Amino acid sequence: MKYCQKCGAELKDEDVFCPKCGHNTNESVKAEVVDKPARKRDDSLMVVAEVFCIICTVLAGFAIIPLCWMIPLTVALHNRIERKEPISVGLKVCILLFVSLISGIILLVGDENE
C-alpha cells in the first residue's frame, strides 16, 4: 500500500498519479514497513471532563428547577404577610416541602393572631 507524499491519500500500487491531488506517485513512499505512529489522546482526561459535565448538569438542574417553586412561594408568602391576609395551611405545607423546612415549621406552629 502506497500513500501520496503530498496529501497522504491512499494509492493503489499501479497508480502513477494521486487521484486526489494529482501528485506524481513515483515520489510516494511505501507504508508497509514504516507506519506513521498515531498520536494518542489522553482518554483519562476525556473521562474526567465527561464526569464533570454530568455533575455540573445535575447540579444546575437541582439549582434551577427548585427556583421555579421557591420564588413564587416566597413572593406569595411575602404578599400575604404584607397585606396581613391569612396564610393557608396549603401554602405553609408547600413552603415546608419546597422552600425551607425551618420556615415551614415556624409557619405551621406559629399563631397567626399574634
N, C-alpha and C. Protein backbone atom coordinates (compact mmCIF):
# COMPACT_ATOMS: atom_id res chain seq x y z
N MET A 1 0.85 -1.18 0.00
CA MET A 1 0.00 0.00 0.00
C MET A 1 0.89 1.24 0.00
N LYS A 2 0.61 2.16 -0.92
CA LYS A 2 1.37 3.40 -1.02
C LYS A 2 0.48 4.57 -0.59
N TYR A 3 1.15 5.61 -0.16
CA TYR A 3 0.47 6.84 0.22
C TYR A 3 1.12 8.01 -0.49
N CYS A 4 0.31 8.97 -0.86
CA CYS A 4 0.82 10.17 -1.53
C CYS A 4 1.63 10.99 -0.53
N GLN A 5 2.81 11.42 -0.95
CA GLN A 5 3.65 12.24 -0.07
C GLN A 5 3.09 13.65 0.11
N LYS A 6 2.32 14.12 -0.85
CA LYS A 6 1.82 15.49 -0.79
C LYS A 6 0.56 15.61 0.06
N CYS A 7 -0.44 14.73 -0.20
CA CYS A 7 -1.71 14.88 0.52
C CYS A 7 -2.00 13.72 1.48
N GLY A 8 -1.26 12.62 1.39
CA GLY A 8 -1.46 11.49 2.29
C GLY A 8 -2.55 10.54 1.87
N ALA A 9 -3.12 10.72 0.69
CA ALA A 9 -4.19 9.85 0.21
C ALA A 9 -3.64 8.45 -0.06
N GLU A 10 -4.47 7.45 0.13
CA GLU A 10 -4.09 6.07 -0.13
C GLU A 10 -4.07 5.83 -1.64
N LEU A 11 -3.00 5.17 -2.10
CA LEU A 11 -2.82 4.93 -3.53
C LEU A 11 -2.79 3.43 -3.80
N LYS A 12 -3.27 3.06 -4.98
CA LYS A 12 -3.11 1.68 -5.44
C LYS A 12 -1.68 1.52 -5.95
N ASP A 13 -1.17 0.30 -5.96
CA ASP A 13 0.22 0.08 -6.40
C ASP A 13 0.43 0.48 -7.85
N GLU A 14 -0.59 0.38 -8.70
CA GLU A 14 -0.43 0.71 -10.12
C GLU A 14 -0.69 2.18 -10.44
N ASP A 15 -1.10 3.00 -9.45
CA ASP A 15 -1.36 4.42 -9.70
C ASP A 15 -0.06 5.16 -10.03
N VAL A 16 -0.12 5.98 -11.09
CA VAL A 16 1.03 6.80 -11.49
C VAL A 16 0.90 8.20 -10.87
N PHE A 17 -0.35 8.67 -10.77
CA PHE A 17 -0.63 9.96 -10.17
C PHE A 17 -1.65 9.79 -9.05
N CYS A 18 -1.56 10.65 -8.07
CA CYS A 18 -2.51 10.62 -6.95
C CYS A 18 -3.89 11.00 -7.46
N PRO A 19 -4.93 10.20 -7.20
CA PRO A 19 -6.27 10.53 -7.66
C PRO A 19 -6.86 11.74 -6.94
N LYS A 20 -6.30 12.09 -5.80
CA LYS A 20 -6.85 13.20 -5.02
C LYS A 20 -6.21 14.53 -5.40
N CYS A 21 -4.86 14.57 -5.45
CA CYS A 21 -4.19 15.85 -5.70
C CYS A 21 -3.42 15.89 -7.02
N GLY A 22 -3.24 14.73 -7.67
CA GLY A 22 -2.54 14.70 -8.96
C GLY A 22 -1.04 14.66 -8.86
N HIS A 23 -0.49 14.50 -7.67
CA HIS A 23 0.96 14.46 -7.47
C HIS A 23 1.53 13.17 -8.06
N ASN A 24 2.75 13.22 -8.58
CA ASN A 24 3.42 12.08 -9.18
C ASN A 24 3.69 11.02 -8.10
N THR A 25 3.24 9.78 -8.34
CA THR A 25 3.37 8.73 -7.33
C THR A 25 4.74 8.09 -7.30
N ASN A 26 5.61 8.42 -8.25
CA ASN A 26 6.96 7.88 -8.22
C ASN A 26 7.71 8.35 -6.98
N GLU A 27 7.25 9.46 -6.41
CA GLU A 27 7.88 10.01 -5.21
C GLU A 27 7.20 9.53 -3.95
N SER A 28 6.19 8.67 -4.11
CA SER A 28 5.45 8.19 -2.94
C SER A 28 6.25 7.14 -2.20
N VAL A 29 5.94 6.96 -0.96
CA VAL A 29 6.67 6.04 -0.10
C VAL A 29 5.78 4.87 0.24
N LYS A 30 6.34 3.68 0.25
CA LYS A 30 5.60 2.50 0.67
C LYS A 30 5.40 2.59 2.18
N ALA A 31 4.20 2.26 2.61
CA ALA A 31 3.88 2.38 4.02
C ALA A 31 3.73 1.04 4.70
N GLU A 32 4.19 -0.02 4.05
CA GLU A 32 4.05 -1.35 4.63
C GLU A 32 4.96 -1.52 5.83
N VAL A 33 6.19 -1.06 5.72
CA VAL A 33 7.17 -1.30 6.76
C VAL A 33 7.10 -0.24 7.84
N VAL A 34 7.10 1.02 7.44
CA VAL A 34 7.13 2.12 8.40
C VAL A 34 5.77 2.79 8.41
N ASP A 35 5.07 2.65 9.49
CA ASP A 35 3.79 3.33 9.66
C ASP A 35 4.02 4.55 10.54
N LYS A 36 3.39 5.62 10.18
CA LYS A 36 3.46 6.83 10.99
C LYS A 36 2.74 6.55 12.30
N PRO A 37 3.39 6.75 13.45
CA PRO A 37 2.72 6.45 14.71
C PRO A 37 1.53 7.38 14.93
N ALA A 38 0.43 6.78 15.30
CA ALA A 38 -0.78 7.58 15.55
C ALA A 38 -0.62 8.31 16.87
N ARG A 39 -1.03 9.57 16.86
CA ARG A 39 -0.95 10.37 18.08
C ARG A 39 -2.08 9.95 19.01
N LYS A 40 -1.71 9.53 20.22
CA LYS A 40 -2.71 9.06 21.16
C LYS A 40 -3.26 10.21 21.98
N ARG A 41 -4.53 10.16 22.20
CA ARG A 41 -5.21 11.14 23.03
C ARG A 41 -5.25 10.59 24.44
N ASP A 42 -5.15 11.47 25.43
CA ASP A 42 -5.20 11.03 26.81
C ASP A 42 -6.66 10.81 27.18
N ASP A 43 -7.11 9.55 27.13
CA ASP A 43 -8.51 9.24 27.38
C ASP A 43 -8.91 9.47 28.83
N SER A 44 -7.98 9.42 29.76
CA SER A 44 -8.35 9.65 31.16
C SER A 44 -8.84 11.09 31.36
N LEU A 45 -8.24 12.04 30.66
CA LEU A 45 -8.71 13.42 30.76
C LEU A 45 -10.10 13.59 30.15
N MET A 46 -10.37 12.84 29.08
CA MET A 46 -11.70 12.90 28.46
C MET A 46 -12.76 12.36 29.42
N VAL A 47 -12.42 11.31 30.14
CA VAL A 47 -13.36 10.73 31.11
C VAL A 47 -13.62 11.73 32.24
N VAL A 48 -12.57 12.38 32.72
CA VAL A 48 -12.72 13.38 33.78
C VAL A 48 -13.60 14.53 33.31
N ALA A 49 -13.37 15.00 32.09
CA ALA A 49 -14.19 16.08 31.54
C ALA A 49 -15.64 15.67 31.42
N GLU A 50 -15.88 14.43 30.99
CA GLU A 50 -17.25 13.94 30.86
C GLU A 50 -17.93 13.85 32.21
N VAL A 51 -17.22 13.37 33.22
CA VAL A 51 -17.78 13.26 34.57
C VAL A 51 -18.14 14.64 35.11
N PHE A 52 -17.25 15.63 34.91
CA PHE A 52 -17.56 16.98 35.36
C PHE A 52 -18.76 17.56 34.63
N CYS A 53 -18.91 17.27 33.36
CA CYS A 53 -20.08 17.74 32.62
C CYS A 53 -21.36 17.17 33.20
N ILE A 54 -21.33 15.88 33.52
CA ILE A 54 -22.52 15.24 34.09
C ILE A 54 -22.84 15.83 35.46
N ILE A 55 -21.81 15.99 36.31
CA ILE A 55 -22.04 16.55 37.65
C ILE A 55 -22.60 17.97 37.56
N CYS A 56 -22.02 18.80 36.69
CA CYS A 56 -22.50 20.18 36.56
C CYS A 56 -23.92 20.24 36.02
N THR A 57 -24.26 19.34 35.11
CA THR A 57 -25.62 19.31 34.58
C THR A 57 -26.61 18.95 35.67
N VAL A 58 -26.27 17.95 36.46
CA VAL A 58 -27.16 17.54 37.55
C VAL A 58 -27.30 18.67 38.57
N LEU A 59 -26.19 19.30 38.95
CA LEU A 59 -26.25 20.38 39.93
C LEU A 59 -27.04 21.58 39.39
N ALA A 60 -26.88 21.89 38.13
CA ALA A 60 -27.64 23.00 37.56
C ALA A 60 -29.12 22.68 37.54
N GLY A 61 -29.45 21.42 37.28
CA GLY A 61 -30.86 21.01 37.30
C GLY A 61 -31.46 21.17 38.68
N PHE A 62 -30.69 20.82 39.70
CA PHE A 62 -31.19 20.97 41.06
C PHE A 62 -31.25 22.43 41.48
N ALA A 63 -30.42 23.26 40.92
CA ALA A 63 -30.40 24.67 41.30
C ALA A 63 -31.47 25.48 40.58
N ILE A 64 -31.77 25.14 39.34
CA ILE A 64 -32.71 25.96 38.57
C ILE A 64 -34.16 25.54 38.79
N ILE A 65 -34.43 24.26 38.73
CA ILE A 65 -35.81 23.80 38.84
C ILE A 65 -36.45 24.15 40.18
N PRO A 66 -35.76 23.98 41.32
CA PRO A 66 -36.39 24.40 42.58
C PRO A 66 -36.69 25.89 42.63
N LEU A 67 -35.91 26.69 41.92
CA LEU A 67 -36.21 28.12 41.91
C LEU A 67 -37.58 28.40 41.32
N CYS A 68 -38.04 27.55 40.43
CA CYS A 68 -39.38 27.71 39.85
C CYS A 68 -40.46 27.57 40.92
N TRP A 69 -40.15 26.84 41.99
CA TRP A 69 -41.09 26.70 43.10
C TRP A 69 -40.81 27.71 44.20
N MET A 70 -39.55 27.92 44.51
CA MET A 70 -39.17 28.76 45.65
C MET A 70 -39.57 30.21 45.48
N ILE A 71 -39.32 30.76 44.32
CA ILE A 71 -39.59 32.18 44.11
C ILE A 71 -41.08 32.49 44.22
N PRO A 72 -41.97 31.78 43.50
CA PRO A 72 -43.39 32.11 43.63
C PRO A 72 -43.95 31.88 45.03
N LEU A 73 -43.50 30.84 45.70
CA LEU A 73 -43.98 30.58 47.06
C LEU A 73 -43.51 31.67 48.02
N THR A 74 -42.28 32.12 47.88
CA THR A 74 -41.77 33.18 48.74
C THR A 74 -42.49 34.49 48.47
N VAL A 75 -42.76 34.78 47.21
CA VAL A 75 -43.49 36.01 46.86
C VAL A 75 -44.92 35.94 47.40
N ALA A 76 -45.56 34.79 47.28
CA ALA A 76 -46.94 34.64 47.81
C ALA A 76 -46.96 34.83 49.32
N LEU A 77 -45.99 34.25 50.01
CA LEU A 77 -45.92 34.43 51.47
C LEU A 77 -45.67 35.89 51.81
N HIS A 78 -44.74 36.54 51.11
CA HIS A 78 -44.45 37.95 51.36
C HIS A 78 -45.69 38.82 51.15
N ASN A 79 -46.41 38.58 50.06
CA ASN A 79 -47.62 39.38 49.79
C ASN A 79 -48.68 39.18 50.87
N ARG A 80 -48.87 37.96 51.34
CA ARG A 80 -49.87 37.71 52.39
C ARG A 80 -49.46 38.33 53.71
N ILE A 81 -48.17 38.27 54.02
CA ILE A 81 -47.70 38.88 55.27
C ILE A 81 -47.83 40.40 55.19
N GLU A 82 -47.49 40.98 54.07
CA GLU A 82 -47.56 42.43 53.90
C GLU A 82 -48.99 42.94 53.96
N ARG A 83 -49.92 42.20 53.37
CA ARG A 83 -51.34 42.61 53.36
C ARG A 83 -52.10 42.14 54.59
N LYS A 84 -51.41 41.43 55.48
CA LYS A 84 -51.98 40.88 56.71
C LYS A 84 -53.16 39.96 56.42
N GLU A 85 -53.04 39.19 55.32
CA GLU A 85 -54.05 38.19 54.96
C GLU A 85 -53.71 36.87 55.64
N PRO A 86 -54.69 36.02 55.88
CA PRO A 86 -54.40 34.72 56.48
C PRO A 86 -53.59 33.85 55.51
N ILE A 87 -52.71 33.06 56.08
CA ILE A 87 -51.86 32.17 55.28
C ILE A 87 -52.46 30.78 55.37
N SER A 88 -52.82 30.23 54.23
CA SER A 88 -53.47 28.92 54.21
C SER A 88 -52.51 27.81 54.61
N VAL A 89 -53.09 26.72 55.11
CA VAL A 89 -52.29 25.56 55.50
C VAL A 89 -51.57 24.99 54.28
N GLY A 90 -52.21 25.02 53.12
CA GLY A 90 -51.58 24.52 51.90
C GLY A 90 -50.31 25.28 51.56
N LEU A 91 -50.35 26.61 51.69
CA LEU A 91 -49.17 27.42 51.42
C LEU A 91 -48.07 27.11 52.44
N LYS A 92 -48.46 26.94 53.69
CA LYS A 92 -47.48 26.62 54.73
C LYS A 92 -46.80 25.28 54.45
N VAL A 93 -47.60 24.27 54.06
CA VAL A 93 -47.04 22.95 53.78
C VAL A 93 -46.14 23.01 52.53
N CYS A 94 -46.55 23.76 51.51
CA CYS A 94 -45.72 23.89 50.31
C CYS A 94 -44.39 24.57 50.64
N ILE A 95 -44.43 25.58 51.50
CA ILE A 95 -43.19 26.23 51.91
C ILE A 95 -42.33 25.26 52.71
N LEU A 96 -42.95 24.46 53.55
CA LEU A 96 -42.23 23.44 54.32
C LEU A 96 -41.53 22.45 53.40
N LEU A 97 -42.24 21.99 52.38
CA LEU A 97 -41.70 20.96 51.49
C LEU A 97 -40.73 21.49 50.44
N PHE A 98 -41.05 22.65 49.86
CA PHE A 98 -40.30 23.10 48.68
C PHE A 98 -39.35 24.27 48.91
N VAL A 99 -39.50 25.00 49.99
CA VAL A 99 -38.65 26.17 50.18
C VAL A 99 -37.70 25.97 51.35
N SER A 100 -38.26 25.87 52.55
CA SER A 100 -37.41 25.78 53.73
C SER A 100 -38.13 25.00 54.81
N LEU A 101 -37.48 24.00 55.33
CA LEU A 101 -38.05 23.18 56.39
C LEU A 101 -38.31 24.03 57.63
N ILE A 102 -37.36 24.85 57.99
CA ILE A 102 -37.49 25.68 59.19
C ILE A 102 -38.61 26.70 59.03
N SER A 103 -38.67 27.38 57.89
CA SER A 103 -39.74 28.37 57.65
C SER A 103 -41.10 27.70 57.70
N GLY A 104 -41.22 26.53 57.09
CA GLY A 104 -42.50 25.82 57.10
C GLY A 104 -42.93 25.42 58.48
N ILE A 105 -41.99 24.94 59.30
CA ILE A 105 -42.33 24.54 60.67
C ILE A 105 -42.75 25.78 61.47
N ILE A 106 -42.02 26.87 61.33
CA ILE A 106 -42.38 28.10 62.04
C ILE A 106 -43.77 28.57 61.63
N LEU A 107 -44.08 28.52 60.35
CA LEU A 107 -45.40 28.94 59.89
C LEU A 107 -46.50 28.03 60.40
N LEU A 108 -46.27 26.72 60.43
CA LEU A 108 -47.29 25.79 60.89
C LEU A 108 -47.50 25.84 62.40
N VAL A 109 -46.43 26.07 63.15
CA VAL A 109 -46.53 26.09 64.62
C VAL A 109 -46.98 27.46 65.11
N GLY A 110 -46.53 28.50 64.43
CA GLY A 110 -46.80 29.86 64.88
C GLY A 110 -48.29 30.19 64.88
N ASP A 111 -48.66 31.12 65.75
CA ASP A 111 -50.05 31.57 65.86
C ASP A 111 -50.22 32.81 64.99
N GLU A 112 -51.16 32.76 64.06
CA GLU A 112 -51.36 33.89 63.14
C GLU A 112 -52.00 35.09 63.81
N ASN A 113 -52.62 34.91 64.96
CA ASN A 113 -53.31 36.01 65.62
C ASN A 113 -52.36 36.98 66.30
N GLU A 114 -51.11 36.54 66.55
CA GLU A 114 -50.16 37.41 67.23
C GLU A 114 -49.65 38.50 66.34
